[in-house]
Amino acid sequence: MPTHKDFGQGFYLTDIPDQAMKMANRVARIFGGEPVVTCFEADIPSMLSGGIVRSGF
């Protein structure tokens, strides 16, 4: 598996569930294995007010 991806091996971010599943299926087809989508929820305003630094692209 290539090691020169934007966020490292197997790391992909989106807030669109259908897009995440399509990418997981595509990667599983190319490299083998089972597609996996992990979902996280975050309260960004609370995190920012608590001093967590957020980087934007």
C-alpha atoms as a PDB file:
ATOM      1  CA  MET A   1       0.000   0.000   0.000  1.00  0.00           C
ATOM      2  CA  PRO A   2       1.393   3.446  -0.864  1.00  0.00           C
ATOM      3  CA  THR A   3       2.723   5.415   2.081  1.00  0.00           C
ATOM      4  CA  HIS A   4       2.617   8.842   0.436  1.00  0.00           C
ATOM      5  CA  LYS A   5      -1.093   9.629   0.798  1.00  0.00           C
ATOM      6  CA  ASP A   6      -2.304  12.960   2.195  1.00  0.00           C
ATOM      7  CA  PHE A   7      -3.086  11.667   5.693  1.00  0.00           C
ATOM      8  CA  GLY A   8      -1.102   8.424   5.744  1.00  0.00           C
ATOM      9  CA  GLN A   9      -2.166   4.864   5.070  1.00  0.00           C
ATOM     10  CA  GLY A  10      -5.885   4.190   5.107  1.00  0.00           C
ATOM     11  CA  PHE A  11      -6.931   7.571   6.454  1.00  0.00           C
ATOM     12  CA  TYR A  12      -9.694   9.420   4.633  1.00  0.00           C
ATOM     13  CA  LEU A  13     -12.002  12.165   5.917  1.00  0.00           C
ATOM     14  CA  THR A  14     -15.434  13.234   4.721  1.00  0.00           C
ATOM     15  CA  ASP A  15     -18.711  14.272   6.275  1.00  0.00           C
ATOM     16  CA  ILE A  16     -20.665  12.548   3.480  1.00  0.00           C
ATOM     17  CA  PRO A  17     -21.531   8.950   4.561  1.00  0.00           C
ATOM     18  CA  ASP A  18     -22.192   7.685   1.006  1.00  0.00           C
ATOM     19  CA  GLN A  19     -18.838   9.046  -0.190  1.00  0.00           C
ATOM     20  CA  ALA A  20     -17.070   7.383   2.764  1.00  0.00           C
ATOM     21  CA  MET A  21     -18.616   3.994   1.949  1.00  0.00           C
ATOM     22  CA  LYS A  22     -17.730   4.308  -1.741  1.00  0.00           C
ATOM     23  CA  MET A  23     -14.107   5.104  -0.844  1.00  0.00           C
ATOM     24  CA  ALA A  24     -13.945   2.215   1.642  1.00  0.00           C
ATOM     25  CA  ASN A  25     -15.304  -0.193  -0.989  1.00  0.00           C
ATOM     26  CA  ARG A  26     -12.885   1.117  -3.611  1.00  0.00           C
ATOM     27  CA  VAL A  27      -9.847   0.721  -1.340  1.00  0.00           C
ATOM     28  CA  ALA A  28     -10.962  -2.783  -0.305  1.00  0.00           C
ATOM     29  CA  ARG A  29     -11.314  -3.785  -3.987  1.00  0.00           C
ATOM     30  CA  ILE A  30      -7.866  -2.432  -4.841  1.00  0.00           C
ATOM     31  CA  PHE A  31      -5.894  -3.638  -1.821  1.00  0.00           C
ATOM     32  CA  GLY A  32      -8.071  -6.454  -0.469  1.00  0.00           C
ATOM     33  CA  GLY A  33      -9.667  -6.768   2.924  1.00  0.00           C
ATOM     34  CA  GLU A  34     -13.007  -5.567   4.197  1.00  0.00           C
ATOM     35  CA  PRO A  35     -14.289  -2.012   3.756  1.00  0.00           C
ATOM     36  CA  VAL A  36     -14.499  -0.131   7.059  1.00  0.00           C
ATOM     37  CA  VAL A  37     -16.085   3.234   7.807  1.00  0.00           C
ATOM     38  CA  THR A  38     -15.632   4.684  11.290  1.00  0.00           C
ATOM     39  CA  CYS A  39     -17.865   7.598  12.299  1.00  0.00           C
ATOM     40  CA  PHE A  40     -17.093  10.212  14.926  1.00  0.00           C
ATOM     41  CA  GLU A  41     -19.172  13.090  16.224  1.00  0.00           C
ATOM     42  CA  ALA A  42     -17.585  16.189  17.690  1.00  0.00           C
ATOM     43  CA  ASP A  43     -18.955  19.322  19.304  1.00  0.00           C
ATOM     44  CA  ILE A  44     -16.549  21.713  17.592  1.00  0.00           C
ATOM     45  CA  PRO A  45     -17.710  24.912  19.373  1.00  0.00           C
ATOM     46  CA  SER A  46     -17.186  23.269  22.775  1.00  0.00           C
ATOM     47  CA  MET A  47     -13.809  21.938  21.744  1.00  0.00           C
ATOM     48  CA  LEU A  48     -12.671  25.346  20.503  1.00  0.00           C
ATOM     49  CA  SER A  49     -13.910  27.144  23.612  1.00  0.00           C
ATOM     50  CA  GLY A  50     -11.943  24.636  25.688  1.00  0.00           C
ATOM     51  CA  GLY A  51      -8.637  25.604  24.066  1.00  0.00           C
ATOM     52  CA  ILE A  52      -8.289  22.905  21.404  1.00  0.00           C
ATOM     53  CA  VAL A  53      -6.538  24.251  18.312  1.00  0.00           C
ATOM     54  CA  ARG A  54      -8.131  23.477  14.948  1.00  0.00           C
ATOM     55  CA  SER A  55      -6.230  23.548  11.659  1.00  0.00           C
ATOM     56  CA  GLY A  56      -8.041  24.262   8.412  1.00  0.00           C
ATOM     57  CA  PHE A  57      -7.101  23.416   4.858  1.00  0.00           C
END
